[in-house]
Amino acid sequence: MTLVVGGQKGNLVATVSPSNAANKAVNWTSSNNTVATVSGGVVTPLKAGSTTITATTLDGNKKATCVVTVETAPISVTGVTLNQPSMTLVAGGATGTLSATVAPANATNKAVVWYSSDVAVATVNEGVVTPLKAGTTTITVKTLDGNKSATSTVTVEAAPIAVEGITLNKETMTLVVDGANSELVATIVPMEATNKTIEWSSSNNDVATVTDGLVTPLKAGTTTITATTKDRGYKATCEVIVIDKAILTLIAGDKSVLVVHNNGDPLTSNTAASLDNINQWKQLGANGDLEARFVNAPNNFGSLILTPNHTNNTVTITATRRLLRSVSGLVTVEIRDKENPDLVATFTVQVNSRAGSTSLNIGEVKVK
């Protein structure tokens, strides 16, 4: 017989033979009254252990025994919790693990079962969650004792698209100290890459710095601008040359204007540039360092000729025009650096000419 401490009592029935015996009285005893007692065949469990219950006839001292095992009373489950109320995984990626804690800690039966509300999104086996496809599912754990439960919401995200490379819109760049900034544009491959974060760096921040692709020239020298993808560390570079500013001096009568020119070398060509259309830029010189135009000219002004002449490392650019008819008014000549179009030198002169004149010198530009 097996009983439980503090539980129901057991009942033993003694049968005396023969059935017509004159004295059928029996005496009941327990070999360990601290484990269980017996009275009239009723066994009362007291503590965990084992005892032998004996029935002895008064007539003839005949005996029969029963071994009684008394077990500790079971401790019921009162609840269960999970270590993570929510979890985010990636489809096809690493599994996640949920741990169930049954209360109380000394509960007799701590067995649990696991369920997923959507096994197409994720499955669960002994707390190990396997992500299958993008979506959301609820993982539930239940105790066999008491049917207590706890849940965790599992979100499965689509697998990320990895970066496969990066390019820049320029491989080289020439800037001028204290001149205009220039922007580098990075293109990540493929376009659908999940993480397009880029880290920018300059190999020499004294020469030029870079912020989100915008390069700022600081002093003459060379530096390498590098764009590095956060995902997988792909790199693209641009060699940046920063040069000191040279001075382009415009002279028009008693007027002079100083502007920055991107190249300290003088022009090597004395080829004339004929500017036949107002506001249309034309190359000045065969090497193409500068280009020029004239604006705000009187109507029927004709052609403007800009001729560079090279003497002793100084180039004098003379601006003349061919007179088609009498004309009077202000003429503005603009000369700009072709590499850095925002660097422009301008001079304006008053022109009073008569038909029949051959040419008129309206200004000089000296490049030192």
Protein backbone atom coordinates (compact mmCIF):
# COMPACT_ATOMS: atom_id res chain seq x y z
CA MET A 1 0.00 0.00 0.00
CA THR A 2 1.21 3.47 -0.80
CA LEU A 3 -0.09 6.49 1.06
CA VAL A 4 0.80 10.19 1.19
CA VAL A 5 1.80 12.15 4.24
CA GLY A 6 -1.25 14.03 5.45
CA GLY A 7 -3.35 12.37 2.75
CA GLN A 8 -6.13 9.83 2.85
CA LYS A 9 -5.95 6.88 5.23
CA GLY A 10 -5.63 3.31 4.02
CA ASN A 11 -7.95 0.47 4.99
CA LEU A 12 -6.77 -3.14 5.51
CA VAL A 13 -9.25 -6.00 5.96
CA ALA A 14 -8.18 -9.24 7.70
CA THR A 15 -9.89 -12.51 6.75
CA VAL A 16 -9.67 -15.32 9.32
CA SER A 17 -9.84 -18.93 8.28
CA PRO A 18 -11.87 -20.99 8.59
CA SER A 19 -14.81 -18.73 8.14
CA ASN A 20 -16.63 -20.60 10.95
CA ALA A 21 -13.77 -20.17 13.47
CA ALA A 22 -15.10 -19.53 16.97
CA ASN A 23 -12.71 -16.56 17.65
CA LYS A 24 -11.98 -14.32 14.69
CA ALA A 25 -10.49 -11.43 16.72
CA VAL A 26 -7.18 -9.95 15.44
CA ASN A 27 -4.61 -7.52 16.81
CA TRP A 28 -3.13 -4.76 14.53
CA THR A 29 0.42 -3.40 14.86
CA SER A 30 2.78 -1.13 12.90
CA SER A 31 6.50 -1.77 12.81
CA ASN A 32 7.15 2.00 12.69
CA ASN A 33 4.47 4.10 14.32
CA THR A 34 6.32 7.31 13.30
CA VAL A 35 5.67 6.47 9.64
CA ALA A 36 2.13 5.15 9.97
CA THR A 37 -0.19 3.88 12.69
CA VAL A 38 -2.93 1.30 12.41
CA SER A 39 -6.16 0.83 14.29
CA GLY A 40 -8.78 -1.74 13.39
CA GLY A 41 -7.09 -2.06 10.00
CA VAL A 42 -7.24 1.71 9.28
CA VAL A 43 -3.72 2.95 8.41
CA THR A 44 -2.89 6.63 9.07
CA PRO A 45 0.16 8.00 7.16
CA LEU A 46 2.35 10.33 9.23
CA LYS A 47 5.70 10.87 7.50
CA ALA A 48 7.64 9.60 4.53
CA GLY A 49 9.07 6.15 5.00
CA SER A 50 8.09 2.48 5.12
CA THR A 51 6.42 0.37 7.79
CA THR A 52 4.95 -3.12 8.06
CA ILE A 53 1.39 -3.48 9.24
CA THR A 54 0.73 -6.87 10.93
CA ALA A 55 -2.60 -8.50 11.76
CA THR A 56 -2.32 -11.28 14.44
CA THR A 57 -5.15 -13.61 15.46
CA LEU A 58 -5.82 -13.94 19.14
CA ASP A 59 -6.64 -17.58 18.59
CA GLY A 60 -3.57 -19.41 17.37
CA ASN A 61 -1.37 -16.30 16.92
CA LYS A 62 -1.63 -16.44 13.13
CA LYS A 63 -0.16 -13.43 11.25
CA ALA A 64 -0.55 -11.54 7.98
CA THR A 65 1.44 -8.46 6.94
CA CYS A 66 1.26 -5.51 4.53
CA VAL A 67 4.15 -3.23 3.65
CA VAL A 68 3.01 0.39 3.66
CA THR A 69 5.02 3.07 1.87
CA VAL A 70 4.33 6.66 2.86
CA GLU A 71 5.38 9.33 0.35
CA THR A 72 5.90 13.02 0.84
CA ALA A 73 2.88 15.10 -0.13
CA PRO A 74 3.32 16.61 -3.66
CA ILE A 75 3.95 20.34 -3.97
CA SER A 76 1.63 21.85 -6.56
CA VAL A 77 2.70 24.25 -9.30
CA THR A 78 1.51 27.82 -8.72
CA GLY A 79 2.80 29.48 -11.87
CA VAL A 80 5.35 29.67 -14.69
CA THR A 81 7.30 32.55 -16.29
CA LEU A 82 9.56 33.01 -19.35
CA ASN A 83 12.91 34.80 -19.37
CA GLN A 84 11.95 36.94 -22.39
CA PRO A 85 8.51 38.48 -22.94
CA SER A 86 9.45 39.20 -26.56
CA MET A 87 12.16 38.20 -29.01
CA THR A 88 13.27 39.31 -32.49
CA LEU A 89 14.90 36.84 -34.86
CA VAL A 90 15.86 36.79 -38.55
CA ALA A 91 14.31 34.34 -40.99
CA GLY A 92 16.79 31.56 -41.66
CA GLY A 93 19.16 32.97 -39.04
CA ALA A 94 20.18 31.94 -35.55
CA THR A 95 17.69 30.30 -33.22
CA GLY A 96 16.51 31.89 -29.98
CA THR A 97 16.15 30.22 -26.58
CA LEU A 98 13.35 30.72 -24.08
CA SER A 99 13.76 29.46 -20.52
CA ALA A 100 10.73 28.57 -18.39
CA THR A 101 10.79 28.94 -14.60
CA VAL A 102 8.18 26.96 -12.69
CA ALA A 103 7.03 28.18 -9.27
CA PRO A 104 7.54 27.18 -6.58
CA ALA A 105 11.08 26.01 -7.11
CA ASN A 106 10.36 22.78 -5.16
CA ALA A 107 7.20 21.90 -7.07
CA THR A 108 6.89 18.16 -7.47
CA ASN A 109 6.03 18.10 -11.16
CA LYS A 110 7.83 20.76 -13.20
CA ALA A 111 7.11 19.25 -16.60
CA VAL A 112 6.04 21.75 -19.30
CA VAL A 113 4.92 21.66 -22.94
CA TRP A 114 5.62 24.27 -25.66
CA TYR A 115 3.44 25.66 -28.47
CA SER A 116 3.80 28.16 -31.34
CA SER A 117 0.69 29.98 -32.55
CA ASP A 118 2.09 30.06 -36.12
CA VAL A 119 4.48 27.28 -36.95
CA ALA A 120 4.97 28.75 -40.44
CA VAL A 121 6.69 31.76 -38.84
CA ALA A 122 8.62 29.94 -36.11
CA THR A 123 8.64 26.57 -34.37
CA VAL A 124 9.60 25.76 -30.79
CA ASN A 125 11.16 22.66 -29.28
CA GLU A 126 12.01 22.54 -25.59
CA GLY A 127 12.24 26.34 -25.60
CA VAL A 128 14.47 26.59 -28.70
CA VAL A 129 12.76 28.87 -31.26
CA THR A 130 13.60 28.38 -34.95
CA PRO A 131 12.73 31.37 -37.22
CA LEU A 132 11.34 30.38 -40.62
CA LYS A 133 9.79 33.39 -42.35
CA ALA A 134 8.94 37.02 -41.66
CA GLY A 135 5.97 37.49 -39.34
CA THR A 136 4.88 37.28 -35.71
CA THR A 137 4.01 34.28 -33.57
CA THR A 138 3.27 33.67 -29.89
CA ILE A 139 5.26 31.03 -28.06
CA THR A 140 3.36 29.50 -25.12
CA VAL A 141 4.64 27.27 -22.33
CA LYS A 142 2.19 25.31 -20.13
CA THR A 143 2.75 23.25 -16.99
CA LEU A 144 1.36 19.71 -16.83
CA ASP A 145 0.55 20.30 -13.16
CA GLY A 146 -2.06 23.00 -12.83
CA ASN A 147 -2.07 24.00 -16.55
CA LYS A 148 -0.30 27.28 -15.77
CA SER A 149 1.00 29.22 -18.82
CA ALA A 150 3.30 32.04 -19.96
CA THR A 151 3.84 33.58 -23.40
CA SER A 152 6.51 35.35 -25.44
CA THR A 153 5.89 37.31 -28.66
CA VAL A 154 8.41 36.37 -31.34
CA THR A 155 8.95 38.70 -34.31
CA VAL A 156 10.77 37.22 -37.28
CA GLU A 157 12.31 39.75 -39.66
CA ALA A 158 13.19 39.16 -43.30
CA ALA A 159 16.82 38.26 -43.92
CA PRO A 160 18.93 41.41 -44.59
CA ILE A 161 20.34 42.11 -48.05
CA ALA A 162 24.12 42.35 -47.72
CA VAL A 163 26.29 45.07 -49.25
CA GLU A 164 28.41 43.82 -52.15
CA GLY A 165 30.44 46.92 -52.96
CA ILE A 166 30.76 50.71 -53.02
CA THR A 167 31.95 53.27 -55.60
CA LEU A 168 32.57 57.02 -55.58
CA ASN A 169 31.68 59.48 -58.33
CA LYS A 170 35.31 60.72 -58.44
CA GLU A 171 38.64 58.94 -58.22
CA THR A 172 40.68 62.16 -57.98
CA MET A 173 39.92 65.72 -56.99
CA THR A 174 41.86 69.00 -56.97
CA LEU A 175 40.84 71.73 -54.53
CA VAL A 176 42.23 75.12 -53.53
CA VAL A 177 43.22 76.19 -50.02
CA ASP A 178 40.33 78.22 -48.58
CA GLY A 179 38.42 77.55 -51.80
CA ALA A 180 35.09 75.88 -52.38
CA ASN A 181 34.24 72.54 -50.83
CA SER A 182 33.50 69.59 -53.08
CA GLU A 183 31.10 66.71 -52.56
CA LEU A 184 31.78 63.03 -53.11
CA VAL A 185 28.78 60.84 -53.84
CA ALA A 186 28.94 57.19 -52.80
CA THR A 187 26.90 54.46 -54.48
CA ILE A 188 26.31 51.19 -52.63
CA VAL A 189 25.71 47.93 -54.50
CA PRO A 190 23.10 46.57 -54.54
CA MET A 191 20.65 49.43 -54.27
CA GLU A 192 18.40 47.24 -52.09
CA ALA A 193 21.10 46.66 -49.45
CA THR A 194 19.60 46.75 -45.97
CA ASN A 195 22.35 48.71 -44.22
CA LYS A 196 23.63 51.59 -46.35
CA THR A 197 25.51 53.34 -43.55
CA ILE A 198 28.84 54.80 -44.70
CA GLU A 199 31.77 55.95 -42.60
CA TRP A 200 33.93 58.69 -44.14
CA SER A 201 37.57 59.34 -43.29
CA SER A 202 40.54 61.40 -44.48
CA SER A 203 44.06 60.03 -44.31
CA ASN A 204 45.33 63.55 -43.51
CA ASN A 205 42.86 65.81 -41.75
CA ASP A 206 45.39 68.66 -41.86
CA VAL A 207 45.09 68.75 -45.65
CA ALA A 208 41.34 68.14 -46.00
CA THR A 209 38.48 66.88 -43.87
CA VAL A 210 35.36 65.04 -44.94
CA THR A 211 31.86 65.00 -43.46
CA ASP A 212 29.17 62.90 -45.08
CA GLY A 213 31.06 63.11 -48.37
CA LEU A 214 31.65 66.88 -48.27
CA VAL A 215 35.40 67.56 -48.61
CA THR A 216 36.83 70.76 -47.11
CA PRO A 217 40.32 71.85 -48.26
CA LEU A 218 42.58 73.23 -45.50
CA LYS A 219 46.19 73.34 -46.64
CA ALA A 220 48.36 72.30 -49.58
CA GLY A 221 49.08 68.59 -49.73
CA THR A 222 47.56 65.23 -50.60
CA THR A 223 45.09 63.10 -48.72
CA THR A 224 42.97 60.05 -49.43
CA ILE A 225 39.27 60.21 -48.73
CA THR A 226 37.84 56.78 -47.92
CA ALA A 227 34.20 55.73 -47.81
CA THR A 228 33.69 52.47 -45.86
CA THR A 229 30.42 50.56 -45.67
CA LYS A 230 29.23 49.66 -42.20
CA ASP A 231 28.08 46.31 -43.57
CA ARG A 232 31.06 44.11 -44.48
CA GLY A 233 33.55 46.99 -44.65
CA TYR A 234 33.79 47.59 -48.39
CA LYS A 235 35.89 50.64 -49.31
CA ALA A 236 36.15 53.22 -52.09
CA THR A 237 38.75 55.99 -52.23
CA CYS A 238 39.38 59.35 -53.85
CA GLU A 239 42.80 61.00 -54.01
CA VAL A 240 42.47 64.68 -53.10
CA ILE A 241 45.14 67.23 -54.04
CA VAL A 242 44.92 70.57 -52.30
CA ILE A 243 46.97 73.39 -53.87
CA ASP A 244 47.83 76.86 -52.65
CA LYS A 245 45.86 79.68 -54.19
CA ALA A 246 47.57 81.77 -56.85
CA ILE A 247 46.59 85.35 -57.55
CA LEU A 248 44.80 86.39 -60.72
CA THR A 249 45.00 90.15 -61.05
CA LEU A 250 42.54 91.94 -63.30
CA ILE A 251 43.58 95.41 -64.46
CA ALA A 252 41.15 97.77 -66.15
CA GLY A 253 42.34 101.33 -66.10
CA ASP A 254 42.69 102.27 -62.46
CA LYS A 255 40.60 99.29 -61.29
CA SER A 256 41.96 95.95 -60.09
CA VAL A 257 40.31 92.83 -58.69
CA LEU A 258 42.00 89.90 -56.94
CA VAL A 259 40.53 86.42 -57.26
CA VAL A 260 41.77 82.90 -56.61
CA HIS A 261 43.01 80.84 -59.52
CA ASN A 262 43.44 77.10 -59.12
CA ASN A 263 46.78 76.83 -60.89
CA GLY A 264 49.94 78.80 -60.16
CA ASP A 265 51.43 77.95 -63.58
CA PRO A 266 51.14 80.68 -66.26
CA LEU A 267 49.27 80.12 -69.47
CA THR A 268 51.51 78.68 -72.20
CA SER A 269 49.39 79.63 -75.20
CA ASN A 270 48.92 82.95 -76.94
CA THR A 271 45.94 81.70 -78.91
CA ALA A 272 43.19 84.28 -79.14
CA ALA A 273 39.68 83.40 -77.97
CA SER A 274 36.89 85.04 -79.91
CA LEU A 275 33.72 85.49 -77.89
CA ASP A 276 31.00 85.99 -80.45
CA ASN A 277 27.98 85.39 -78.23
CA ILE A 278 27.06 87.33 -75.14
CA ASN A 279 26.98 85.19 -71.94
CA GLN A 280 28.55 82.17 -73.63
CA TRP A 281 31.73 80.93 -71.98
CA LYS A 282 34.68 80.22 -74.30
CA GLN A 283 38.04 78.63 -73.59
CA LEU A 284 40.90 81.06 -73.21
CA GLY A 285 44.20 79.58 -74.34
CA ALA A 286 44.93 76.11 -75.67
CA ASN A 287 45.62 74.64 -72.23
CA GLY A 288 42.13 75.49 -71.05
CA ASP A 289 43.02 76.82 -67.58
CA LEU A 290 40.71 79.81 -68.00
CA GLU A 291 37.58 80.67 -69.91
CA ALA A 292 35.98 84.04 -70.60
CA ARG A 293 32.85 85.83 -71.76
CA PHE A 294 31.52 89.35 -71.90
CA VAL A 295 28.21 90.48 -70.46
CA ASN A 296 26.14 93.64 -70.24
CA ALA A 297 27.50 94.83 -73.58
CA PRO A 298 25.66 97.38 -75.72
CA ASN A 299 23.58 96.07 -78.60
CA ASN A 300 25.47 95.28 -81.78
CA PHE A 301 28.72 95.23 -79.88
CA GLY A 302 30.35 92.75 -82.24
CA SER A 303 33.10 90.26 -81.34
CA LEU A 304 35.36 90.40 -78.31
CA ILE A 305 38.95 89.11 -78.67
CA LEU A 306 40.92 88.01 -75.60
CA THR A 307 44.59 87.41 -76.41
CA PRO A 308 47.05 86.00 -73.84
CA ASN A 309 50.73 86.98 -74.18
CA HIS A 310 53.41 85.22 -72.13
CA THR A 311 56.40 87.28 -70.96
CA ASN A 312 58.75 86.57 -68.01
CA ASN A 313 56.33 84.19 -66.28
CA THR A 314 53.58 86.78 -66.52
CA VAL A 315 50.69 86.38 -68.93
CA THR A 316 48.93 89.54 -70.01
CA ILE A 317 45.48 88.92 -71.45
CA THR A 318 44.38 91.85 -73.60
CA ALA A 319 40.70 92.30 -74.32
CA THR A 320 39.89 94.06 -77.61
CA ARG A 321 36.86 94.24 -79.84
CA ARG A 322 36.27 94.57 -83.54
CA LEU A 323 34.17 97.61 -84.25
CA LEU A 324 31.32 97.08 -86.68
CA ARG A 325 29.66 100.41 -86.09
CA SER A 326 29.64 103.30 -83.67
CA VAL A 327 28.79 102.08 -80.17
CA SER A 328 28.87 103.53 -76.68
CA GLY A 329 28.22 101.95 -73.29
CA LEU A 330 29.53 99.80 -70.45
CA VAL A 331 31.14 96.44 -71.22
CA THR A 332 31.74 93.81 -68.55
CA VAL A 333 34.33 91.08 -69.12
CA GLU A 334 34.35 87.95 -66.92
CA ILE A 335 37.24 85.51 -66.69
CA ARG A 336 36.89 82.42 -64.54
CA ASP A 337 38.85 79.35 -63.53
CA LYS A 338 37.60 76.38 -65.53
CA GLU A 339 38.26 73.85 -62.73
CA ASN A 340 36.49 76.00 -60.13
CA PRO A 341 33.75 77.95 -61.95
CA ASP A 342 32.82 79.89 -58.83
CA LEU A 343 36.20 81.68 -58.99
CA VAL A 344 35.46 84.60 -61.31
CA ALA A 345 37.27 87.91 -61.97
CA THR A 346 35.21 90.74 -63.44
CA PHE A 347 36.02 94.20 -64.82
CA THR A 348 33.79 96.81 -66.42
CA VAL A 349 34.88 99.68 -68.70
CA GLN A 350 33.16 102.51 -70.55
CA VAL A 351 33.43 102.11 -74.31
CA ASN A 352 33.00 105.09 -76.68
CA SER A 353 33.87 104.15 -80.24
CA ARG A 354 33.08 105.21 -83.75
CA ALA A 355 32.48 103.18 -86.83
CA GLY A 356 35.64 102.67 -88.80
CA SER A 357 37.88 102.12 -85.83
CA THR A 358 39.81 98.89 -86.01
CA SER A 359 40.00 97.83 -82.38
CA LEU A 360 39.77 99.08 -78.85
CA ASN A 361 41.75 97.86 -75.84
CA ILE A 362 39.22 97.58 -73.02
CA GLY A 363 41.31 95.89 -70.33
CA GLU A 364 44.15 93.58 -69.31
CA VAL A 365 44.35 90.54 -67.07
CA LYS A 366 47.69 89.56 -65.57
CA VAL A 367 48.19 86.00 -64.32
CA LYS A 368 51.22 85.70 -62.06
